[in-house]
C-alpha atoms as a PDB file:
ATOM      1  CA  MET A   1      82.843-107.199 119.449  1.00  0.00           C
ATOM      2  CA  LYS A   2      86.444-108.021 118.621  1.00  0.00           C
ATOM      3  CA  ASN A   3      87.503-111.603 118.090  1.00  0.00           C
ATOM      4  CA  ARG A   4      90.421-113.858 117.227  1.00  0.00           C
ATOM      5  CA  LEU A   5      88.465-116.018 114.796  1.00  0.00           C
ATOM      6  CA  GLU A   6      90.572-115.239 111.735  1.00  0.00           C
ATOM      7  CA  ALA A   7      93.831-115.868 113.620  1.00  0.00           C
ATOM      8  CA  LEU A   8      92.560-119.182 115.007  1.00  0.00           C
ATOM      9  CA  ARG A   9      91.304-120.262 111.590  1.00  0.00           C
ATOM     10  CA  LYS A  10      94.514-119.352 109.774  1.00  0.00           C
ATOM     11  CA  ALA A  11      96.701-120.969 112.452  1.00  0.00           C
ATOM     12  CA  ARG A  12      94.940-124.256 111.687  1.00  0.00           C
ATOM     13  CA  GLY A  13      95.089-123.777 107.924  1.00  0.00           C
ATOM     14  CA  ILE A  14      91.313-123.780 107.567  1.00  0.00           C
ATOM     15  CA  LYS A  15      89.527-121.872 104.796  1.00  0.00           C
ATOM     16  CA  GLN A  16      86.461-119.765 105.530  1.00  0.00           C
ATOM     17  CA  GLU A  17      84.378-122.191 103.464  1.00  0.00           C
ATOM     18  CA  GLU A  18      85.554-125.183 105.521  1.00  0.00           C
ATOM     19  CA  LEU A  19      84.811-123.462 108.813  1.00  0.00           C
ATOM     20  CA  ALA A  20      81.413-122.320 107.553  1.00  0.00           C
ATOM     21  CA  ALA A  21      80.503-125.880 106.547  1.00  0.00           C
ATOM     22  CA  ALA A  22      81.607-127.280 109.918  1.00  0.00           C
ATOM     23  CA  LEU A  23      79.545-124.666 111.784  1.00  0.00           C
ATOM     24  CA  GLU A  24      76.579-124.888 109.394  1.00  0.00           C
ATOM     25  CA  VAL A  25      76.666-121.196 108.468  1.00  0.00           C
ATOM     26  CA  SER A  26      77.539-119.336 105.265  1.00  0.00           C
ATOM     27  CA  ARG A  27      81.025-118.240 104.275  1.00  0.00           C
ATOM     28  CA  GLN A  28      79.689-114.688 104.371  1.00  0.00           C
ATOM     29  CA  THR A  29      78.797-115.158 108.047  1.00  0.00           C
ATOM     30  CA  ILE A  30      82.380-116.206 108.804  1.00  0.00           C
ATOM     31  CA  GLY A  31      83.716-113.189 106.885  1.00  0.00           C
ATOM     32  CA  SER A  32      81.366-110.841 108.728  1.00  0.00           C
ATOM     33  CA  LEU A  33      82.389-112.313 112.089  1.00  0.00           C
ATOM     34  CA  GLU A  34      86.079-111.966 111.270  1.00  0.00           C
ATOM     35  CA  ASN A  35      85.628-108.337 110.204  1.00  0.00           C
ATOM     36  CA  GLY A  36      83.600-107.447 113.287  1.00  0.00           C
ATOM     37  CA  ARG A  37      80.469-106.607 111.300  1.00  0.00           C
ATOM     38  CA  TYR A  38      78.425-109.330 112.987  1.00  0.00           C
ATOM     39  CA  ASN A  39      78.172-110.570 116.562  1.00  0.00           C
ATOM     40  CA  PRO A  40      77.342-114.267 116.839  1.00  0.00           C
ATOM     41  CA  SER A  41      74.416-115.746 118.686  1.00  0.00           C
ATOM     42  CA  ILE A  42      75.400-117.435 121.925  1.00  0.00           C
ATOM     43  CA  LEU A  43      74.822-120.802 120.236  1.00  0.00           C
ATOM     44  CA  LEU A  44      77.184-119.950 117.380  1.00  0.00           C
ATOM     45  CA  ALA A  45      79.774-118.596 119.829  1.00  0.00           C
ATOM     46  CA  PHE A  46      79.703-121.923 121.690  1.00  0.00           C
ATOM     47  CA  LYS A  47      79.987-123.876 118.415  1.00  0.00           C
ATOM     48  CA  ILE A  48      83.023-121.822 117.371  1.00  0.00           C
ATOM     49  CA  ALA A  49      84.716-122.264 120.755  1.00  0.00           C
ATOM     50  CA  ARG A  50      84.055-126.006 120.737  1.00  0.00           C
ATOM     51  CA  TYR A  51      85.306-126.332 117.153  1.00  0.00           C
ATOM     52  CA  PHE A  52      88.653-124.790 118.120  1.00  0.00           C
ATOM     53  CA  ASP A  53      88.659-126.470 121.565  1.00  0.00           C
ATOM     54  CA  VAL A  54      89.046-123.154 123.397  1.00  0.00           C
ATOM     55  CA  SER A  55      86.854-121.062 125.694  1.00  0.00           C
ATOM     56  CA  ILE A  56      84.498-118.450 124.284  1.00  0.00           C
ATOM     57  CA  GLU A  57      86.661-115.791 125.953  1.00  0.00           C
ATOM     58  CA  GLU A  58      89.664-117.002 123.941  1.00  0.00           C
ATOM     59  CA  VAL A  59      87.784-116.298 120.708  1.00  0.00           C
ATOM     60  CA  PHE A  60      85.668-113.244 121.521  1.00  0.00           C
ATOM     61  CA  ILE A  61      86.901-110.127 123.306  1.00  0.00           C
ATOM     62  CA  TYR A  62      84.132-108.220 125.055  1.00  0.00           C
ATOM     63  CA  GLU A  63      84.805-104.535 125.642  1.00  0.00           C
ATOM     64  CA  GLU A  64      82.253-102.456 127.530  1.00  0.00           C
ATOM     65  CA  GLU A  65      81.351 -99.160 125.954  1.00  0.00           C
ATOM     66  CA  SER A  66      82.306 -96.177 128.063  1.00  0.00           C
ATOM     67  CA  LYS A  67      79.357 -94.174 129.378  1.00  0.00           C
END
């Protein structure tokens, strides 16, 4: 799943470590999310959206796989 997490984080001048601490996850989790290697749980997706005061859809871009 694609996302705008890195762009949102950098626009606010927040380091991965700071975001990880605020969301109670590891820095590696933030890096994996930003690189698209990891899809967040729904709970984590809500926490991220709330942290940046945006909707989940503004952070995460869902693209259906073609059949």
